[in-house]
N, C-alpha and C. Protein backbone atom coordinates (compact mmCIF):
# COMPACT_ATOMS: atom_id res chain seq x y z
N MET A 1 0.84 -1.17 0.00
CA MET A 1 0.00 0.00 0.00
C MET A 1 0.89 1.24 0.00
N THR A 2 0.61 2.16 -0.92
CA THR A 2 1.40 3.38 -1.04
C THR A 2 0.59 4.55 -0.50
N THR A 3 1.24 5.36 0.32
CA THR A 3 0.59 6.54 0.87
C THR A 3 1.20 7.78 0.24
N THR A 4 0.33 8.65 -0.27
CA THR A 4 0.80 9.89 -0.86
C THR A 4 0.52 11.02 0.13
N LEU A 5 1.56 11.72 0.48
CA LEU A 5 1.41 12.84 1.39
C LEU A 5 1.21 14.12 0.61
N ALA A 6 0.29 14.92 1.06
CA ALA A 6 0.07 16.23 0.41
C ALA A 6 1.24 17.14 0.72
N ARG A 7 1.74 17.78 -0.30
CA ARG A 7 2.83 18.73 -0.11
C ARG A 7 2.24 20.08 0.28
N PRO A 8 2.86 20.75 1.22
CA PRO A 8 2.35 22.08 1.57
C PRO A 8 2.50 23.02 0.38
N ALA A 9 1.53 23.91 0.27
CA ALA A 9 1.58 24.89 -0.82
C ALA A 9 2.83 25.75 -0.68
N GLU A 10 3.48 25.98 -1.78
CA GLU A 10 4.67 26.81 -1.75
C GLU A 10 4.26 28.27 -1.68
N SER A 11 5.01 29.02 -0.93
CA SER A 11 4.73 30.44 -0.80
C SER A 11 5.63 31.20 -1.78
N HIS A 12 5.00 31.90 -2.70
CA HIS A 12 5.75 32.65 -3.69
C HIS A 12 5.74 34.12 -3.30
N PRO A 13 6.85 34.81 -3.52
CA PRO A 13 6.86 36.24 -3.21
C PRO A 13 5.89 36.99 -4.14
N PRO A 14 5.46 38.18 -3.74
CA PRO A 14 4.59 38.98 -4.62
C PRO A 14 5.26 39.20 -5.97
N LEU A 15 4.45 39.23 -7.02
CA LEU A 15 4.94 39.51 -8.37
C LEU A 15 4.42 40.88 -8.77
N VAL A 16 5.31 41.84 -8.91
CA VAL A 16 4.93 43.22 -9.18
C VAL A 16 5.50 43.65 -10.52
N HIS A 17 4.62 44.12 -11.42
CA HIS A 17 5.05 44.60 -12.72
C HIS A 17 5.97 45.81 -12.52
N PRO A 18 7.01 45.96 -13.36
CA PRO A 18 7.97 47.07 -13.19
C PRO A 18 7.35 48.46 -13.28
N THR A 19 6.18 48.59 -13.93
CA THR A 19 5.57 49.93 -14.05
C THR A 19 4.58 50.22 -12.92
N ALA A 20 4.34 49.24 -12.05
CA ALA A 20 3.44 49.47 -10.90
C ALA A 20 4.18 50.30 -9.86
N ARG A 21 3.40 51.09 -9.10
CA ARG A 21 4.00 51.91 -8.02
C ARG A 21 3.44 51.43 -6.69
N ILE A 22 4.33 51.10 -5.78
CA ILE A 22 3.95 50.56 -4.49
C ILE A 22 4.46 51.48 -3.38
N SER A 23 3.58 51.92 -2.50
CA SER A 23 3.97 52.76 -1.37
C SER A 23 4.88 51.98 -0.43
N PRO A 24 5.86 52.64 0.16
CA PRO A 24 6.71 51.94 1.13
C PRO A 24 5.92 51.53 2.38
N ARG A 25 4.76 52.11 2.59
CA ARG A 25 3.91 51.75 3.74
C ARG A 25 2.96 50.62 3.42
N ALA A 26 2.89 50.19 2.16
CA ALA A 26 1.98 49.11 1.76
C ALA A 26 2.57 47.75 2.11
N THR A 27 1.68 46.77 2.29
CA THR A 27 2.09 45.40 2.59
C THR A 27 1.50 44.48 1.53
N LEU A 28 2.37 43.70 0.88
CA LEU A 28 1.94 42.73 -0.13
C LEU A 28 2.23 41.33 0.39
N ALA A 29 1.19 40.51 0.50
CA ALA A 29 1.35 39.14 1.00
C ALA A 29 1.90 38.22 -0.09
N PRO A 30 2.42 37.07 0.31
CA PRO A 30 2.95 36.12 -0.66
C PRO A 30 1.91 35.73 -1.71
N GLY A 31 2.38 35.55 -2.93
CA GLY A 31 1.55 35.07 -4.01
C GLY A 31 0.67 36.11 -4.69
N CYS A 32 0.65 37.33 -4.19
CA CYS A 32 -0.18 38.34 -4.86
C CYS A 32 0.52 38.83 -6.11
N ARG A 33 -0.28 39.36 -7.05
CA ARG A 33 0.26 39.87 -8.31
C ARG A 33 -0.29 41.27 -8.55
N VAL A 34 0.59 42.15 -9.00
CA VAL A 34 0.23 43.55 -9.26
C VAL A 34 0.56 43.85 -10.71
N GLY A 35 -0.45 44.27 -11.47
CA GLY A 35 -0.32 44.48 -12.91
C GLY A 35 0.30 45.80 -13.29
N PRO A 36 0.52 45.99 -14.59
CA PRO A 36 1.17 47.20 -15.10
C PRO A 36 0.37 48.46 -14.80
N GLY A 37 1.06 49.49 -14.37
CA GLY A 37 0.45 50.78 -14.13
C GLY A 37 -0.38 50.87 -12.86
N ALA A 38 -0.50 49.78 -12.12
CA ALA A 38 -1.28 49.81 -10.87
C ALA A 38 -0.56 50.66 -9.84
N VAL A 39 -1.35 51.31 -8.97
CA VAL A 39 -0.79 52.13 -7.90
C VAL A 39 -1.37 51.62 -6.58
N ILE A 40 -0.48 51.24 -5.67
CA ILE A 40 -0.90 50.83 -4.33
C ILE A 40 -0.29 51.83 -3.38
N ASP A 41 -1.15 52.68 -2.81
CA ASP A 41 -0.69 53.84 -2.06
C ASP A 41 -1.16 53.76 -0.61
N GLY A 42 -0.57 54.60 0.22
CA GLY A 42 -0.96 54.67 1.62
C GLY A 42 -0.60 53.39 2.35
N THR A 43 -1.40 53.07 3.37
CA THR A 43 -1.14 51.90 4.20
C THR A 43 -1.97 50.71 3.72
N THR A 44 -2.02 50.50 2.44
CA THR A 44 -2.80 49.40 1.85
C THR A 44 -2.16 48.05 2.18
N THR A 45 -3.02 47.06 2.43
CA THR A 45 -2.58 45.68 2.64
C THR A 45 -3.27 44.81 1.60
N VAL A 46 -2.48 44.05 0.86
CA VAL A 46 -3.01 43.14 -0.16
C VAL A 46 -2.78 41.72 0.32
N GLY A 47 -3.88 40.94 0.46
CA GLY A 47 -3.80 39.59 0.98
C GLY A 47 -3.18 38.60 0.01
N ALA A 48 -2.84 37.45 0.53
CA ALA A 48 -2.18 36.39 -0.25
C ALA A 48 -3.00 36.01 -1.48
N ASP A 49 -2.29 35.78 -2.57
CA ASP A 49 -2.86 35.29 -3.83
C ASP A 49 -3.90 36.22 -4.44
N SER A 50 -3.89 37.49 -4.06
CA SER A 50 -4.79 38.47 -4.66
C SER A 50 -4.19 38.99 -5.96
N ILE A 51 -5.05 39.49 -6.83
CA ILE A 51 -4.61 40.01 -8.13
C ILE A 51 -5.10 41.44 -8.26
N ILE A 52 -4.16 42.34 -8.51
CA ILE A 52 -4.47 43.74 -8.77
C ILE A 52 -4.18 43.96 -10.26
N CYS A 53 -5.21 44.19 -11.04
CA CYS A 53 -5.05 44.29 -12.49
C CYS A 53 -4.49 45.65 -12.91
N ALA A 54 -4.22 45.77 -14.19
CA ALA A 54 -3.59 46.96 -14.76
C ALA A 54 -4.34 48.24 -14.42
N ASP A 55 -3.56 49.26 -14.10
CA ASP A 55 -4.07 50.63 -13.87
C ASP A 55 -5.07 50.75 -12.73
N ALA A 56 -5.13 49.76 -11.84
CA ALA A 56 -5.98 49.88 -10.65
C ALA A 56 -5.30 50.82 -9.67
N TYR A 57 -6.12 51.45 -8.80
CA TYR A 57 -5.60 52.37 -7.79
C TYR A 57 -6.18 51.99 -6.44
N LEU A 58 -5.30 51.75 -5.47
CA LEU A 58 -5.73 51.42 -4.11
C LEU A 58 -5.08 52.39 -3.14
N PHE A 59 -5.87 52.94 -2.22
CA PHE A 59 -5.34 53.85 -1.21
C PHE A 59 -5.96 53.48 0.13
N ASP A 60 -5.11 53.21 1.11
CA ASP A 60 -5.55 52.85 2.46
C ASP A 60 -6.64 51.78 2.43
N ALA A 61 -6.42 50.74 1.66
CA ALA A 61 -7.37 49.64 1.53
C ALA A 61 -6.81 48.39 2.21
N ILE A 62 -7.71 47.52 2.64
CA ILE A 62 -7.33 46.23 3.20
C ILE A 62 -8.04 45.17 2.38
N LEU A 63 -7.26 44.34 1.71
CA LEU A 63 -7.82 43.27 0.87
C LEU A 63 -7.51 41.93 1.51
N GLY A 64 -8.51 41.06 1.56
CA GLY A 64 -8.30 39.71 2.06
C GLY A 64 -7.55 38.87 1.05
N GLU A 65 -7.58 37.58 1.26
CA GLU A 65 -6.89 36.65 0.35
C GLU A 65 -7.74 36.39 -0.89
N ASN A 66 -7.08 36.11 -1.99
CA ASN A 66 -7.73 35.73 -3.25
C ASN A 66 -8.73 36.78 -3.75
N VAL A 67 -8.43 38.04 -3.55
CA VAL A 67 -9.27 39.12 -4.05
C VAL A 67 -8.80 39.49 -5.44
N ARG A 68 -9.74 39.82 -6.33
CA ARG A 68 -9.38 40.29 -7.67
C ARG A 68 -9.91 41.70 -7.84
N VAL A 69 -8.99 42.62 -8.14
CA VAL A 69 -9.35 44.02 -8.40
C VAL A 69 -9.17 44.24 -9.89
N GLY A 70 -10.25 44.58 -10.58
CA GLY A 70 -10.25 44.69 -12.05
C GLY A 70 -9.46 45.87 -12.58
N ILE A 71 -9.28 45.85 -13.88
CA ILE A 71 -8.58 46.90 -14.60
C ILE A 71 -9.22 48.25 -14.30
N GLN A 72 -8.42 49.24 -13.99
CA GLN A 72 -8.83 50.62 -13.74
C GLN A 72 -9.83 50.78 -12.60
N ALA A 73 -9.94 49.78 -11.72
CA ALA A 73 -10.79 49.94 -10.53
C ALA A 73 -10.08 50.86 -9.55
N ARG A 74 -10.87 51.51 -8.69
CA ARG A 74 -10.32 52.46 -7.71
C ARG A 74 -10.96 52.18 -6.36
N LEU A 75 -10.11 51.88 -5.37
CA LEU A 75 -10.58 51.61 -4.02
C LEU A 75 -9.87 52.56 -3.06
N VAL A 76 -10.66 53.33 -2.30
CA VAL A 76 -10.11 54.28 -1.33
C VAL A 76 -10.78 54.02 0.01
N ASP A 77 -9.98 53.79 1.05
CA ASP A 77 -10.50 53.53 2.40
C ASP A 77 -11.50 52.38 2.42
N CYS A 78 -11.13 51.25 1.82
CA CYS A 78 -12.04 50.11 1.71
C CYS A 78 -11.47 48.88 2.41
N ILE A 79 -12.39 48.00 2.82
CA ILE A 79 -12.04 46.68 3.34
C ILE A 79 -12.77 45.68 2.47
N VAL A 80 -12.02 44.68 1.95
CA VAL A 80 -12.60 43.72 1.01
C VAL A 80 -12.35 42.30 1.53
N ALA A 81 -13.43 41.52 1.66
CA ALA A 81 -13.36 40.16 2.20
C ALA A 81 -12.66 39.20 1.23
N ASN A 82 -12.22 38.08 1.77
CA ASN A 82 -11.56 37.03 0.98
C ASN A 82 -12.40 36.63 -0.22
N GLY A 83 -11.73 36.44 -1.35
CA GLY A 83 -12.39 35.90 -2.53
C GLY A 83 -13.28 36.86 -3.30
N ALA A 84 -13.36 38.11 -2.85
CA ALA A 84 -14.23 39.08 -3.54
C ALA A 84 -13.62 39.48 -4.88
N ALA A 85 -14.48 39.91 -5.79
CA ALA A 85 -14.03 40.39 -7.10
C ALA A 85 -14.59 41.79 -7.31
N ILE A 86 -13.70 42.73 -7.60
CA ILE A 86 -14.10 44.10 -7.87
C ILE A 86 -13.99 44.29 -9.38
N GLY A 87 -15.08 44.63 -10.02
CA GLY A 87 -15.13 44.69 -11.48
C GLY A 87 -14.32 45.83 -12.09
N ARG A 88 -14.08 45.68 -13.37
CA ARG A 88 -13.33 46.66 -14.15
C ARG A 88 -13.95 48.05 -14.01
N GLY A 89 -13.12 49.03 -13.67
CA GLY A 89 -13.56 50.41 -13.60
C GLY A 89 -14.46 50.75 -12.43
N ALA A 90 -14.67 49.82 -11.51
CA ALA A 90 -15.50 50.11 -10.34
C ALA A 90 -14.81 51.16 -9.48
N ARG A 91 -15.60 52.00 -8.81
CA ARG A 91 -15.09 53.06 -7.93
C ARG A 91 -15.71 52.88 -6.56
N LEU A 92 -14.91 52.53 -5.57
CA LEU A 92 -15.39 52.31 -4.22
C LEU A 92 -14.68 53.25 -3.26
N THR A 93 -15.44 53.96 -2.44
CA THR A 93 -14.89 54.86 -1.43
C THR A 93 -15.55 54.56 -0.10
N ALA A 94 -14.76 54.28 0.93
CA ALA A 94 -15.25 53.98 2.27
C ALA A 94 -16.28 52.86 2.25
N VAL A 95 -15.92 51.74 1.62
CA VAL A 95 -16.83 50.61 1.45
C VAL A 95 -16.26 49.39 2.17
N PHE A 96 -17.15 48.61 2.79
CA PHE A 96 -16.79 47.35 3.41
C PHE A 96 -17.49 46.24 2.63
N VAL A 97 -16.73 45.50 1.84
CA VAL A 97 -17.28 44.35 1.12
C VAL A 97 -17.24 43.21 2.12
N ALA A 98 -18.41 42.92 2.71
CA ALA A 98 -18.49 42.15 3.93
C ALA A 98 -18.36 40.64 3.78
N GLN A 99 -18.93 40.08 2.76
CA GLN A 99 -18.98 38.63 2.65
C GLN A 99 -17.94 38.11 1.66
N PRO A 100 -17.33 36.96 1.98
CA PRO A 100 -16.40 36.35 1.03
C PRO A 100 -17.08 36.07 -0.30
N ASP A 101 -16.31 36.09 -1.36
CA ASP A 101 -16.77 35.74 -2.71
C ASP A 101 -17.84 36.67 -3.26
N THR A 102 -17.94 37.89 -2.75
CA THR A 102 -18.87 38.87 -3.27
C THR A 102 -18.29 39.49 -4.54
N ALA A 103 -19.14 39.77 -5.52
CA ALA A 103 -18.70 40.41 -6.76
C ALA A 103 -19.31 41.81 -6.84
N VAL A 104 -18.45 42.80 -7.05
CA VAL A 104 -18.91 44.17 -7.30
C VAL A 104 -18.83 44.35 -8.81
N PRO A 105 -19.95 44.71 -9.47
CA PRO A 105 -19.96 44.75 -10.93
C PRO A 105 -19.04 45.80 -11.54
N ALA A 106 -18.64 45.55 -12.76
CA ALA A 106 -17.83 46.50 -13.52
C ALA A 106 -18.55 47.83 -13.60
N GLY A 107 -17.80 48.90 -13.43
CA GLY A 107 -18.36 50.24 -13.55
C GLY A 107 -19.17 50.72 -12.37
N ALA A 108 -19.31 49.90 -11.33
CA ALA A 108 -20.10 50.31 -10.15
C ALA A 108 -19.43 51.50 -9.46
N ILE A 109 -20.26 52.40 -8.96
CA ILE A 109 -19.77 53.53 -8.17
C ILE A 109 -20.47 53.44 -6.81
N VAL A 110 -19.69 53.18 -5.78
CA VAL A 110 -20.24 53.02 -4.43
C VAL A 110 -19.45 53.92 -3.49
N GLU A 111 -20.17 54.84 -2.85
CA GLU A 111 -19.53 55.73 -1.89
C GLU A 111 -20.14 55.50 -0.53
N GLY A 112 -19.30 55.38 0.49
CA GLY A 112 -19.78 55.00 1.80
C GLY A 112 -19.89 56.15 2.77
N PRO A 113 -20.00 55.82 4.00
CA PRO A 113 -19.78 54.45 4.47
C PRO A 113 -20.96 53.54 4.14
N VAL A 114 -20.63 52.38 3.59
CA VAL A 114 -21.65 51.40 3.22
C VAL A 114 -21.05 50.00 3.28
N ARG A 115 -21.92 49.03 3.55
CA ARG A 115 -21.52 47.63 3.58
C ARG A 115 -22.15 46.95 2.37
N VAL A 116 -21.34 46.28 1.56
CA VAL A 116 -21.83 45.60 0.36
C VAL A 116 -22.01 44.13 0.68
N LEU A 117 -23.21 43.60 0.39
CA LEU A 117 -23.52 42.20 0.62
C LEU A 117 -23.79 41.50 -0.71
N PRO A 118 -23.61 40.18 -0.75
CA PRO A 118 -23.97 39.46 -1.97
C PRO A 118 -25.47 39.61 -2.25
N ARG A 119 -25.86 39.47 -3.50
CA ARG A 119 -27.25 39.63 -3.90
C ARG A 119 -28.20 38.77 -3.07
N SER A 120 -27.79 37.54 -2.74
CA SER A 120 -28.67 36.65 -2.00
C SER A 120 -28.94 37.13 -0.57
N GLU A 121 -28.10 38.02 -0.04
CA GLU A 121 -28.29 38.51 1.32
C GLU A 121 -28.82 39.94 1.35
N SER A 122 -28.98 40.56 0.20
CA SER A 122 -29.47 41.93 0.17
C SER A 122 -30.95 41.97 0.54
N PRO A 123 -31.38 43.01 1.25
CA PRO A 123 -32.80 43.09 1.62
C PRO A 123 -33.69 43.22 0.40
N SER A 124 -34.85 42.62 0.46
CA SER A 124 -35.81 42.71 -0.65
C SER A 124 -36.46 44.08 -0.65
N PRO A 125 -36.82 44.60 -1.86
CA PRO A 125 -37.46 45.93 -1.92
C PRO A 125 -38.85 45.92 -1.33
């Protein structure tokens, strides 16, 4: 009988495109990727295995693990739960994306303070 042991996931350093700008106060967790022209400013924290796409702008944001921030999205003073996806060109200010795996649609403009919930948990009209 042969037993196969699971290998622990390897931790890869952040991958940052040479044209991206990262604040010295920002924290990038292992495995995250930052695309061309992206700006991570202020005391932003990007969680493990998150993806910041081209020309996105983050300022004083906290992103959980496996978050995807779309092309040209802008997040200022936001907290984003694990697995959330922020659509292309979305603009979020003072927003708390509360539930894991929540999707904010492309082009959305949300100004807070506000808490964003998945559609299934949103109150009925």
